[in-house]
Amino acid sequence: MFLNIEKAIQHKGLTSDIEFAEKLIEEVGLVLIPGTAFGAPGHVRLSFAASLDTLKEAVRRLAMFLSA
């Protein structure tokens, strides 16, 4: 799934989906693939190939990152 994160990039004061993904890893240890790698700048690629508990934790970390 590709998620449009253009508003989140602006909200966090960042410049690209690549920078967004780097900050996400650094700050909360969550890995999302920048859409730029797939020709979709301003997006991130989400994978759901994980257990429900892992996905819930990922959503919690993403929410924490976006609210900071």
PDB file of N, CA and C in Angstrom:
ATOM      1  N   MET A   1       0.847  -1.161   0.000  1.00  0.00           N
ATOM      2  CA  MET A   1       0.000   0.000   0.000  1.00  0.00           C
ATOM      3  C   MET A   1       0.904   1.239   0.000  1.00  0.00           C
ATOM      4  N   PHE A   2       0.547   2.226  -0.794  1.00  0.00           N
ATOM      5  CA  PHE A   2       1.267   3.500  -0.799  1.00  0.00           C
ATOM      6  C   PHE A   2       0.398   4.552  -0.116  1.00  0.00           C
ATOM      7  N   LEU A   3       0.971   5.206   0.868  1.00  0.00           N
ATOM      8  CA  LEU A   3       0.265   6.205   1.649  1.00  0.00           C
ATOM      9  C   LEU A   3       0.808   7.588   1.315  1.00  0.00           C
ATOM     10  N   ASN A   4      -0.083   8.518   0.961  1.00  0.00           N
ATOM     11  CA  ASN A   4       0.323   9.894   0.681  1.00  0.00           C
ATOM     12  C   ASN A   4       0.655  10.564   2.015  1.00  0.00           C
ATOM     13  N   ILE A   5       1.898  11.042   2.146  1.00  0.00           N
ATOM     14  CA  ILE A   5       2.342  11.659   3.400  1.00  0.00           C
ATOM     15  C   ILE A   5       2.753  13.122   3.210  1.00  0.00           C
ATOM     16  N   GLU A   6       2.297  13.734   2.124  1.00  0.00           N
ATOM     17  CA  GLU A   6       2.711  15.109   1.847  1.00  0.00           C
ATOM     18  C   GLU A   6       2.375  16.057   3.004  1.00  0.00           C
ATOM     19  N   LYS A   7       1.177  15.949   3.578  1.00  0.00           N
ATOM     20  CA  LYS A   7       0.808  16.808   4.711  1.00  0.00           C
ATOM     21  C   LYS A   7       1.642  16.488   5.946  1.00  0.00           C
ATOM     22  N   ALA A   8       1.947  15.220   6.169  1.00  0.00           N
ATOM     23  CA  ALA A   8       2.777  14.828   7.312  1.00  0.00           C
ATOM     24  C   ALA A   8       4.200  15.351   7.151  1.00  0.00           C
ATOM     25  N   ILE A   9       4.712  15.340   5.923  1.00  0.00           N
ATOM     26  CA  ILE A   9       6.046  15.881   5.654  1.00  0.00           C
ATOM     27  C   ILE A   9       6.081  17.354   6.032  1.00  0.00           C
ATOM     28  N   GLN A  10       5.068  18.098   5.597  1.00  0.00           N
ATOM     29  CA  GLN A  10       4.985  19.529   5.927  1.00  0.00           C
ATOM     30  C   GLN A  10       4.832  19.736   7.429  1.00  0.00           C
ATOM     31  N   HIS A  11       3.949  18.966   8.045  1.00  0.00           N
ATOM     32  CA  HIS A  11       3.690  19.082   9.488  1.00  0.00           C
ATOM     33  C   HIS A  11       4.973  18.889  10.307  1.00  0.00           C
ATOM     34  N   LYS A  12       5.812  17.950   9.876  1.00  0.00           N
ATOM     35  CA  LYS A  12       7.054  17.671  10.599  1.00  0.00           C
ATOM     36  C   LYS A  12       8.188  18.612  10.193  1.00  0.00           C
ATOM     37  N   GLY A  13       7.945  19.509   9.220  1.00  0.00           N
ATOM     38  CA  GLY A  13       8.975  20.443   8.783  1.00  0.00           C
ATOM     39  C   GLY A  13      10.074  19.769   7.975  1.00  0.00           C
ATOM     40  N   LEU A  14       9.721  18.711   7.267  1.00  0.00           N
ATOM     41  CA  LEU A  14      10.688  17.961   6.485  1.00  0.00           C
ATOM     42  C   LEU A  14      10.562  18.333   5.008  1.00  0.00           C
ATOM     43  N   THR A  15      11.475  17.807   4.193  1.00  0.00           N
ATOM     44  CA  THR A  15      11.493  18.205   2.792  1.00  0.00           C
ATOM     45  C   THR A  15      11.108  17.103   1.815  1.00  0.00           C
ATOM     46  N   SER A  16      11.099  15.837   2.254  1.00  0.00           N
ATOM     47  CA  SER A  16      10.824  14.753   1.313  1.00  0.00           C
ATOM     48  C   SER A  16      10.374  13.496   2.045  1.00  0.00           C
ATOM     49  N   ASP A  17       9.872  12.558   1.262  1.00  0.00           N
ATOM     50  CA  ASP A  17       9.504  11.261   1.817  1.00  0.00           C
ATOM     51  C   ASP A  17      10.733  10.504   2.307  1.00  0.00           C
ATOM     52  N   ILE A  18      11.873  10.761   1.679  1.00  0.00           N
ATOM     53  CA  ILE A  18      13.115  10.119   2.116  1.00  0.00           C
ATOM     54  C   ILE A  18      13.501  10.621   3.505  1.00  0.00           C
ATOM     55  N   GLU A  19      13.458  11.925   3.686  1.00  0.00           N
ATOM     56  CA  GLU A  19      13.781  12.492   5.003  1.00  0.00           C
ATOM     57  C   GLU A  19      12.776  12.021   6.050  1.00  0.00           C
ATOM     58  N   PHE A  20      11.503  11.939   5.688  1.00  0.00           N
ATOM     59  CA  PHE A  20      10.464  11.446   6.592  1.00  0.00           C
ATOM     60  C   PHE A  20      10.808  10.031   7.060  1.00  0.00           C
ATOM     61  N   ALA A  21      11.149   9.162   6.116  1.00  0.00           N
ATOM     62  CA  ALA A  21      11.473   7.772   6.457  1.00  0.00           C
ATOM     63  C   ALA A  21      12.716   7.692   7.339  1.00  0.00           C
ATOM     64  N   GLU A  22      13.721   8.521   7.061  1.00  0.00           N
ATOM     65  CA  GLU A  22      14.936   8.525   7.885  1.00  0.00           C
ATOM     66  C   GLU A  22      14.628   8.959   9.314  1.00  0.00           C
ATOM     67  N   LYS A  23      13.836  10.016   9.472  1.00  0.00           N
ATOM     68  CA  LYS A  23      13.476  10.493  10.817  1.00  0.00           C
ATOM     69  C   LYS A  23      12.644   9.451  11.557  1.00  0.00           C
ATOM     70  N   LEU A  24      11.770   8.778  10.842  1.00  0.00           N
ATOM     71  CA  LEU A  24      10.929   7.755  11.450  1.00  0.00           C
ATOM     72  C   LEU A  24      11.782   6.631  12.034  1.00  0.00           C
ATOM     73  N   ILE A  25      12.795   6.204  11.296  1.00  0.00           N
ATOM     74  CA  ILE A  25      13.705   5.173  11.797  1.00  0.00           C
ATOM     75  C   ILE A  25      14.468   5.683  13.012  1.00  0.00           C
ATOM     76  N   GLU A  26      15.035   6.875  12.898  1.00  0.00           N
ATOM     77  CA  GLU A  26      15.855   7.448  13.978  1.00  0.00           C
ATOM     78  C   GLU A  26      15.061   7.670  15.258  1.00  0.00           C
ATOM     79  N   GLU A  27      13.852   8.192  15.134  1.00  0.00           N
ATOM     80  CA  GLU A  27      13.101   8.620  16.315  1.00  0.00           C
ATOM     81  C   GLU A  27      12.266   7.527  16.970  1.00  0.00           C
ATOM     82  N   VAL A  28      11.681   6.620  16.169  1.00  0.00           N
ATOM     83  CA  VAL A  28      10.815   5.609  16.776  1.00  0.00           C
ATOM     84  C   VAL A  28      11.114   4.179  16.314  1.00  0.00           C
ATOM     85  N   GLY A  29      12.153   4.001  15.499  1.00  0.00           N
ATOM     86  CA  GLY A  29      12.549   2.663  15.077  1.00  0.00           C
ATOM     87  C   GLY A  29      11.562   1.971  14.161  1.00  0.00           C
ATOM     88  N   LEU A  30      10.845   2.752  13.360  1.00  0.00           N
ATOM     89  CA  LEU A  30       9.872   2.187  12.431  1.00  0.00           C
ATOM     90  C   LEU A  30      10.372   2.388  11.008  1.00  0.00           C
ATOM     91  N   VAL A  31      10.326   1.330  10.212  1.00  0.00           N
ATOM     92  CA  VAL A  31      10.825   1.390   8.840  1.00  0.00           C
ATOM     93  C   VAL A  31       9.662   1.397   7.857  1.00  0.00           C
ATOM     94  N   LEU A  32       9.590   2.452   7.057  1.00  0.00           N
ATOM     95  CA  LEU A  32       8.693   2.540   5.902  1.00  0.00           C
ATOM     96  C   LEU A  32       9.564   2.891   4.709  1.00  0.00           C
ATOM     97  N   ILE A  33       9.220   2.401   3.555  1.00  0.00           N
ATOM     98  CA  ILE A  33      10.032   2.639   2.360  1.00  0.00           C
ATOM     99  C   ILE A  33       9.541   3.905   1.663  1.00  0.00           C
ATOM    100  N   PRO A  34      10.446   4.867   1.409  1.00  0.00           N
ATOM    101  CA  PRO A  34      10.041   6.086   0.706  1.00  0.00           C
ATOM    102  C   PRO A  34       9.475   5.763  -0.678  1.00  0.00           C
ATOM    103  N   GLY A  35       8.397   6.430  -1.033  1.00  0.00           N
ATOM    104  CA  GLY A  35       7.785   6.217  -2.337  1.00  0.00           C
ATOM    105  C   GLY A  35       8.672   6.623  -3.493  1.00  0.00           C
ATOM    106  N   THR A  36       9.617   7.526  -3.240  1.00  0.00           N
ATOM    107  CA  THR A  36      10.544   7.953  -4.284  1.00  0.00           C
ATOM    108  C   THR A  36      11.239   6.758  -4.927  1.00  0.00           C
ATOM    109  N   ALA A  37      11.520   5.729  -4.153  1.00  0.00           N
ATOM    110  CA  ALA A  37      12.176   4.527  -4.680  1.00  0.00           C
ATOM    111  C   ALA A  37      11.308   3.808  -5.710  1.00  0.00           C
ATOM    112  N   PHE A  38      10.014   4.110  -5.717  1.00  0.00           N
ATOM    113  CA  PHE A  38       9.078   3.469  -6.642  1.00  0.00           C
ATOM    114  C   PHE A  38       8.483   4.475  -7.627  1.00  0.00           C
ATOM    115  N   GLY A  39       9.074   5.675  -7.695  1.00  0.00           N
ATOM    116  CA  GLY A  39       8.557   6.707  -8.583  1.00  0.00           C
ATOM    117  C   GLY A  39       7.332   7.414  -8.039  1.00  0.00           C
ATOM    118  N   ALA A  40       7.131   7.377  -6.720  1.00  0.00           N
ATOM    119  CA  ALA A  40       5.972   8.004  -6.087  1.00  0.00           C
ATOM    120  C   ALA A  40       6.421   8.912  -4.948  1.00  0.00           C
ATOM    121  N   PRO A  41       7.106  10.021  -5.264  1.00  0.00           N
ATOM    122  CA  PRO A  41       7.536  10.924  -4.201  1.00  0.00           C
ATOM    123  C   PRO A  41       6.332  11.454  -3.411  1.00  0.00           C
ATOM    124  N   GLY A  42       6.579  11.725  -2.126  1.00  0.00           N
ATOM    125  CA  GLY A  42       5.502  12.196  -1.259  1.00  0.00           C
ATOM    126  C   GLY A  42       4.648  11.080  -0.690  1.00  0.00           C
ATOM    127  N   HIS A  43       5.099   9.844  -0.892  1.00  0.00           N
ATOM    128  CA  HIS A  43       4.389   8.671  -0.394  1.00  0.00           C
ATOM    129  C   HIS A  43       5.369   7.762   0.350  1.00  0.00           C
ATOM    130  N   VAL A  44       4.833   6.833   1.118  1.00  0.00           N
ATOM    131  CA  VAL A  44       5.624   5.754   1.704  1.00  0.00           C
ATOM    132  C   VAL A  44       4.921   4.444   1.409  1.00  0.00           C
ATOM    133  N   ARG A  45       5.704   3.396   1.333  1.00  0.00           N
ATOM    134  CA  ARG A  45       5.162   2.058   1.087  1.00  0.00           C
ATOM    135  C   ARG A  45       4.980   1.349   2.417  1.00  0.00           C
ATOM    136  N   LEU A  46       3.780   0.837   2.629  1.00  0.00           N
ATOM    137  CA  LEU A  46       3.468   0.077   3.832  1.00  0.00           C
ATOM    138  C   LEU A  46       3.376  -1.398   3.478  1.00  0.00           C
ATOM    139  N   SER A  47       3.883  -2.248   4.360  1.00  0.00           N
ATOM    140  CA  SER A  47       3.762  -3.685   4.195  1.00  0.00           C
ATOM    141  C   SER A  47       2.974  -4.244   5.369  1.00  0.00           C
ATOM    142  N   PHE A  48       2.070  -5.145   5.074  1.00  0.00           N
ATOM    143  CA  PHE A  48       1.247  -5.748   6.116  1.00  0.00           C
ATOM    144  C   PHE A  48       1.616  -7.204   6.358  1.00  0.00           C
ATOM    145  N   ALA A  49       2.826  -7.592   5.954  1.00  0.00           N
ATOM    146  CA  ALA A  49       3.291  -8.967   6.112  1.00  0.00           C
ATOM    147  C   ALA A  49       3.915  -9.156   7.491  1.00  0.00           C
ATOM    148  N   ALA A  50       3.081  -9.019   8.510  1.00  0.00           N
ATOM    149  CA  ALA A  50       3.538  -9.149   9.896  1.00  0.00           C
ATOM    150  C   ALA A  50       2.347  -9.578  10.756  1.00  0.00           C
ATOM    151  N   SER A  51       2.645  -9.961  11.966  1.00  0.00           N
ATOM    152  CA  SER A  51       1.572 -10.363  12.878  1.00  0.00           C
ATOM    153  C   SER A  51       0.732  -9.144  13.267  1.00  0.00           C
ATOM    154  N   LEU A  52      -0.464  -9.397  13.727  1.00  0.00           N
ATOM    155  CA  LEU A  52      -1.354  -8.321  14.152  1.00  0.00           C
ATOM    156  C   LEU A  52      -0.730  -7.506  15.283  1.00  0.00           C
ATOM    157  N   ASP A  53      -0.070  -8.159  16.216  1.00  0.00           N
ATOM    158  CA  ASP A  53       0.587  -7.445  17.314  1.00  0.00           C
ATOM    159  C   ASP A  53       1.685  -6.516  16.797  1.00  0.00           C
ATOM    160  N   THR A  54       2.453  -6.986  15.828  1.00  0.00           N
ATOM    161  CA  THR A  54       3.510  -6.165  15.240  1.00  0.00           C
ATOM    162  C   THR A  54       2.910  -4.962  14.514  1.00  0.00           C
ATOM    163  N   LEU A  55       1.828  -5.181  13.790  1.00  0.00           N
ATOM    164  CA  LEU A  55       1.167  -4.082  13.077  1.00  0.00           C
ATOM    165  C   LEU A  55       0.598  -3.047  14.048  1.00  0.00           C
ATOM    166  N   LYS A  56       0.024  -3.518  15.143  1.00  0.00           N
ATOM    167  CA  LYS A  56      -0.500  -2.588  16.156  1.00  0.00           C
ATOM    168  C   LYS A  56       0.626  -1.736  16.737  1.00  0.00           C
ATOM    169  N   GLU A  57       1.759  -2.344  17.002  1.00  0.00           N
ATOM    170  CA  GLU A  57       2.906  -1.607  17.523  1.00  0.00           C
ATOM    171  C   GLU A  57       3.415  -0.601  16.493  1.00  0.00           C
ATOM    172  N   ALA A  58       3.419  -0.975  15.234  1.00  0.00           N
ATOM    173  CA  ALA A  58       3.850  -0.062  14.171  1.00  0.00           C
ATOM    174  C   ALA A  58       2.931   1.156  14.093  1.00  0.00           C
ATOM    175  N   VAL A  59       1.640   0.939  14.190  1.00  0.00           N
ATOM    176  CA  VAL A  59       0.676   2.049  14.160  1.00  0.00           C
ATOM    177  C   VAL A  59       0.880   2.942  15.378  1.00  0.00           C
ATOM    178  N   ARG A  60       1.140   2.354  16.532  1.00  0.00           N
ATOM    179  CA  ARG A  60       1.389   3.140  17.746  1.00  0.00           C
ATOM    180  C   ARG A  60       2.622   4.024  17.556  1.00  0.00           C
ATOM    181  N   ARG A  61       3.691   3.454  17.013  1.00  0.00           N
ATOM    182  CA  ARG A  61       4.914   4.229  16.812  1.00  0.00           C
ATOM    183  C   ARG A  61       4.720   5.344  15.769  1.00  0.00           C
ATOM    184  N   LEU A  62       3.984   5.034  14.715  1.00  0.00           N
ATOM    185  CA  LEU A  62       3.724   6.046  13.700  1.00  0.00           C
ATOM    186  C   LEU A  62       2.916   7.197  14.296  1.00  0.00           C
ATOM    187  N   ALA A  63       1.913   6.881  15.077  1.00  0.00           N
ATOM    188  CA  ALA A  63       1.098   7.913  15.729  1.00  0.00           C
ATOM    189  C   ALA A  63       1.945   8.757  16.679  1.00  0.00           C
ATOM    190  N   MET A  64       2.838   8.108  17.411  1.00  0.00           N
ATOM    191  CA  MET A  64       3.722   8.808  18.329  1.00  0.00           C
ATOM    192  C   MET A  64       4.617   9.778  17.548  1.00  0.00           C
ATOM    193  N   PHE A  65       5.170   9.331  16.445  1.00  0.00           N
ATOM    194  CA  PHE A  65       6.025  10.166  15.615  1.00  0.00           C
ATOM    195  C   PHE A  65       5.264  11.359  15.060  1.00  0.00           C
ATOM    196  N   LEU A  66       4.054  11.127  14.576  1.00  0.00           N
ATOM    197  CA  LEU A  66       3.288  12.208  13.971  1.00  0.00           C
ATOM    198  C   LEU A  66       2.777  13.211  14.996  1.00  0.00           C
ATOM    199  N   SER A  67       2.575  12.786  16.227  1.00  0.00           N
ATOM    200  CA  SER A  67       2.048  13.703  17.241  1.00  0.00           C
ATOM    201  C   SER A  67       3.137  14.542  17.901  1.00  0.00           C
ATOM    202  N   ALA A  68       4.388  14.163  17.720  1.00  0.00           N
ATOM    203  CA  ALA A  68       5.504  14.905  18.347  1.00  0.00           C
ATOM    204  C   ALA A  68       5.842  16.157  17.564  1.00  0.00           C
TER     205      ALA A  68
END
